């Protein structure tokens, strides 16, 4: 049985944010380089699916998970 990550709401200023930027804003990674590496290695999921696009546009309600931690894009 897979343990569900605790999801924290992370507010963004506009309507959209790029995946790489959101990983840093949410504190899931410390640097842009770490974000790029985690995404390219397939360690990042968006709404339950692996996404390999660092520039993916996230919108309010999207959930990003990495290493058992999660964050939801909020207003």
N, C-alpha and C. Protein backbone atom coordinates (compact mmCIF):
# COMPACT_ATOMS: atom_id res chain seq x y z
N UNK A 1 0.84 -1.18 0.00
CA UNK A 1 0.00 0.00 0.00
C UNK A 1 0.88 1.25 0.00
N UNK A 2 0.62 2.15 -0.93
CA UNK A 2 1.41 3.37 -1.05
C UNK A 2 0.89 4.42 -0.08
N UNK A 3 1.82 5.00 0.67
CA UNK A 3 1.44 6.04 1.62
C UNK A 3 1.22 7.35 0.87
N UNK A 4 0.09 8.01 1.14
CA UNK A 4 -0.21 9.28 0.50
C UNK A 4 0.61 10.39 1.16
N UNK A 5 1.22 11.25 0.33
CA UNK A 5 1.98 12.36 0.92
C UNK A 5 1.05 13.40 1.54
N UNK A 6 1.57 14.09 2.54
CA UNK A 6 0.82 15.22 3.10
C UNK A 6 0.91 16.37 2.11
N UNK A 7 -0.22 16.93 1.76
CA UNK A 7 -0.26 17.98 0.74
C UNK A 7 -0.40 19.34 1.43
N UNK A 8 0.51 20.24 1.09
CA UNK A 8 0.44 21.60 1.61
C UNK A 8 0.03 22.54 0.49
N UNK A 9 -0.84 23.50 0.80
CA UNK A 9 -1.23 24.52 -0.18
C UNK A 9 -0.13 25.57 -0.26
N UNK A 10 0.26 25.90 -1.49
CA UNK A 10 1.29 26.91 -1.72
C UNK A 10 0.71 27.96 -2.67
N UNK A 11 0.58 29.17 -2.18
CA UNK A 11 -0.01 30.25 -2.97
C UNK A 11 0.97 30.78 -4.02
N UNK A 12 0.42 31.07 -5.21
CA UNK A 12 1.21 31.70 -6.27
C UNK A 12 0.60 33.06 -6.56
N UNK A 13 1.40 33.95 -7.14
CA UNK A 13 0.95 35.32 -7.38
C UNK A 13 -0.03 35.42 -8.55
N UNK A 14 0.21 34.68 -9.62
CA UNK A 14 -0.64 34.77 -10.79
C UNK A 14 -1.53 33.56 -10.96
N UNK A 15 -1.94 33.33 -12.20
CA UNK A 15 -2.81 32.19 -12.49
C UNK A 15 -2.02 30.92 -12.81
N UNK A 16 -0.78 31.07 -13.29
CA UNK A 16 0.03 29.91 -13.67
C UNK A 16 1.46 30.09 -13.16
N UNK A 17 2.16 28.94 -13.03
CA UNK A 17 3.57 28.93 -12.65
C UNK A 17 4.20 27.71 -13.30
N UNK A 18 5.46 27.81 -13.67
CA UNK A 18 6.16 26.68 -14.28
C UNK A 18 6.54 25.66 -13.21
N UNK A 19 6.56 24.40 -13.59
CA UNK A 19 6.83 23.31 -12.67
C UNK A 19 8.14 23.51 -11.91
N UNK A 20 9.22 23.83 -12.63
CA UNK A 20 10.52 24.03 -11.98
C UNK A 20 10.49 25.12 -10.94
N UNK A 21 9.81 26.22 -11.25
CA UNK A 21 9.70 27.33 -10.31
C UNK A 21 8.87 26.93 -9.09
N UNK A 22 7.79 26.18 -9.33
CA UNK A 22 6.92 25.79 -8.23
C UNK A 22 7.62 24.85 -7.26
N UNK A 23 8.45 23.96 -7.78
CA UNK A 23 9.19 23.05 -6.89
C UNK A 23 10.02 23.84 -5.89
N UNK A 24 10.65 24.92 -6.35
CA UNK A 24 11.45 25.76 -5.46
C UNK A 24 10.55 26.54 -4.51
N UNK A 25 9.50 27.17 -5.02
CA UNK A 25 8.60 27.96 -4.19
C UNK A 25 8.00 27.12 -3.07
N UNK A 26 7.66 25.87 -3.39
CA UNK A 26 7.03 24.98 -2.41
C UNK A 26 8.04 24.39 -1.44
N UNK A 27 9.33 24.61 -1.69
CA UNK A 27 10.36 24.07 -0.80
C UNK A 27 10.63 22.60 -1.01
N UNK A 28 10.20 22.07 -2.15
CA UNK A 28 10.45 20.65 -2.45
C UNK A 28 11.88 20.42 -2.93
N UNK A 29 12.50 21.49 -3.46
CA UNK A 29 13.92 21.47 -3.84
C UNK A 29 14.52 22.82 -3.42
N UNK A 30 15.84 22.88 -3.33
CA UNK A 30 16.51 24.11 -2.92
C UNK A 30 16.92 24.99 -4.10
N UNK A 31 17.24 24.37 -5.24
CA UNK A 31 17.75 25.13 -6.38
C UNK A 31 17.07 24.73 -7.68
N UNK A 32 17.22 25.58 -8.67
CA UNK A 32 16.70 25.26 -10.00
C UNK A 32 17.38 24.03 -10.59
N UNK A 33 18.65 23.86 -10.28
CA UNK A 33 19.38 22.69 -10.76
C UNK A 33 18.81 21.40 -10.18
N UNK A 34 18.47 21.44 -8.89
CA UNK A 34 17.85 20.27 -8.26
C UNK A 34 16.49 19.98 -8.89
N UNK A 35 15.74 21.04 -9.19
CA UNK A 35 14.43 20.87 -9.81
C UNK A 35 14.58 20.21 -11.18
N UNK A 36 15.52 20.71 -11.98
CA UNK A 36 15.74 20.16 -13.32
C UNK A 36 16.10 18.68 -13.24
N UNK A 37 17.01 18.35 -12.33
CA UNK A 37 17.46 16.96 -12.19
C UNK A 37 16.31 16.05 -11.76
N UNK A 38 15.55 16.47 -10.76
CA UNK A 38 14.44 15.65 -10.26
C UNK A 38 13.40 15.42 -11.35
N UNK A 39 13.11 16.46 -12.13
CA UNK A 39 12.12 16.34 -13.20
C UNK A 39 12.63 15.39 -14.28
N UNK A 40 13.87 15.58 -14.73
CA UNK A 40 14.42 14.74 -15.80
C UNK A 40 14.58 13.29 -15.38
N UNK A 41 14.78 13.03 -14.09
CA UNK A 41 14.92 11.66 -13.61
C UNK A 41 13.56 10.99 -13.39
N UNK A 42 12.47 11.74 -13.60
CA UNK A 42 11.14 11.17 -13.45
C UNK A 42 10.68 11.04 -12.02
N UNK A 43 11.26 11.83 -11.12
CA UNK A 43 10.91 11.76 -9.70
C UNK A 43 9.73 12.65 -9.32
N UNK A 44 9.29 13.51 -10.25
CA UNK A 44 8.23 14.47 -9.96
C UNK A 44 6.93 14.03 -10.62
N UNK A 45 5.86 14.07 -9.83
CA UNK A 45 4.53 13.77 -10.37
C UNK A 45 3.66 15.01 -10.27
N UNK A 46 2.85 15.20 -11.31
CA UNK A 46 1.85 16.27 -11.33
C UNK A 46 0.50 15.60 -11.47
N UNK A 47 -0.35 15.81 -10.48
CA UNK A 47 -1.68 15.19 -10.47
C UNK A 47 -1.61 13.68 -10.64
N UNK A 48 -0.60 13.05 -10.00
CA UNK A 48 -0.48 11.60 -9.99
C UNK A 48 0.24 10.98 -11.17
N UNK A 49 0.73 11.81 -12.10
CA UNK A 49 1.44 11.30 -13.27
C UNK A 49 2.82 11.93 -13.39
N UNK A 50 3.82 11.12 -13.73
CA UNK A 50 5.18 11.64 -13.93
C UNK A 50 5.16 12.65 -15.06
N UNK A 51 5.82 13.78 -14.85
CA UNK A 51 5.92 14.80 -15.90
C UNK A 51 7.37 15.19 -16.05
N UNK A 52 7.89 15.12 -17.26
CA UNK A 52 9.30 15.39 -17.53
C UNK A 52 9.54 16.79 -18.09
N UNK A 53 8.52 17.65 -18.04
CA UNK A 53 8.63 19.00 -18.62
C UNK A 53 8.81 20.04 -17.52
N UNK A 54 10.01 20.58 -17.42
CA UNK A 54 10.30 21.58 -16.40
C UNK A 54 9.44 22.83 -16.60
N UNK A 55 9.10 23.13 -17.85
CA UNK A 55 8.30 24.32 -18.16
C UNK A 55 6.80 24.09 -18.13
N UNK A 56 6.37 22.93 -17.67
CA UNK A 56 4.93 22.65 -17.61
C UNK A 56 4.22 23.75 -16.84
N UNK A 57 3.14 24.24 -17.39
CA UNK A 57 2.35 25.29 -16.74
C UNK A 57 1.41 24.66 -15.72
N UNK A 58 1.55 25.05 -14.47
CA UNK A 58 0.67 24.57 -13.41
C UNK A 58 -0.39 25.63 -13.14
N UNK A 59 -1.58 25.16 -12.80
CA UNK A 59 -2.69 26.06 -12.49
C UNK A 59 -3.21 25.75 -11.09
N UNK A 60 -4.03 26.63 -10.56
CA UNK A 60 -4.61 26.42 -9.23
C UNK A 60 -5.27 25.05 -9.15
N UNK A 61 -4.97 24.32 -8.08
CA UNK A 61 -5.53 23.00 -7.87
C UNK A 61 -4.61 21.86 -8.27
N UNK A 62 -3.59 22.13 -9.10
CA UNK A 62 -2.65 21.07 -9.48
C UNK A 62 -1.86 20.64 -8.25
N UNK A 63 -1.57 19.34 -8.16
CA UNK A 63 -0.82 18.79 -7.03
C UNK A 63 0.49 18.21 -7.55
N UNK A 64 1.59 18.64 -6.94
CA UNK A 64 2.94 18.19 -7.31
C UNK A 64 3.51 17.39 -6.15
N UNK A 65 4.07 16.21 -6.45
CA UNK A 65 4.69 15.40 -5.41
C UNK A 65 6.13 15.05 -5.79
N UNK A 66 6.96 14.95 -4.76
CA UNK A 66 8.37 14.59 -4.92
C UNK A 66 8.84 13.99 -3.60
N UNK A 67 9.41 12.81 -3.65
CA UNK A 67 10.00 12.16 -2.48
C UNK A 67 9.04 12.10 -1.28
N UNK A 68 7.81 11.74 -1.53
CA UNK A 68 6.85 11.57 -0.44
C UNK A 68 6.30 12.87 0.13
N UNK A 69 6.62 13.99 -0.50
CA UNK A 69 6.07 15.28 -0.07
C UNK A 69 5.27 15.85 -1.21
N UNK A 70 4.25 16.63 -0.87
CA UNK A 70 3.39 17.19 -1.90
C UNK A 70 3.01 18.62 -1.65
N UNK A 71 2.65 19.31 -2.74
CA UNK A 71 2.21 20.70 -2.65
C UNK A 71 1.13 20.94 -3.70
N UNK A 72 0.11 21.70 -3.30
CA UNK A 72 -0.99 22.05 -4.20
C UNK A 72 -0.88 23.53 -4.55
N UNK A 73 -1.03 23.83 -5.84
CA UNK A 73 -1.01 25.22 -6.29
C UNK A 73 -2.32 25.87 -5.82
N UNK A 74 -2.19 27.00 -5.11
CA UNK A 74 -3.38 27.70 -4.65
C UNK A 74 -3.25 29.20 -4.92
N UNK A 75 -4.37 29.88 -4.77
CA UNK A 75 -4.42 31.32 -5.05
C UNK A 75 -3.88 32.11 -3.87
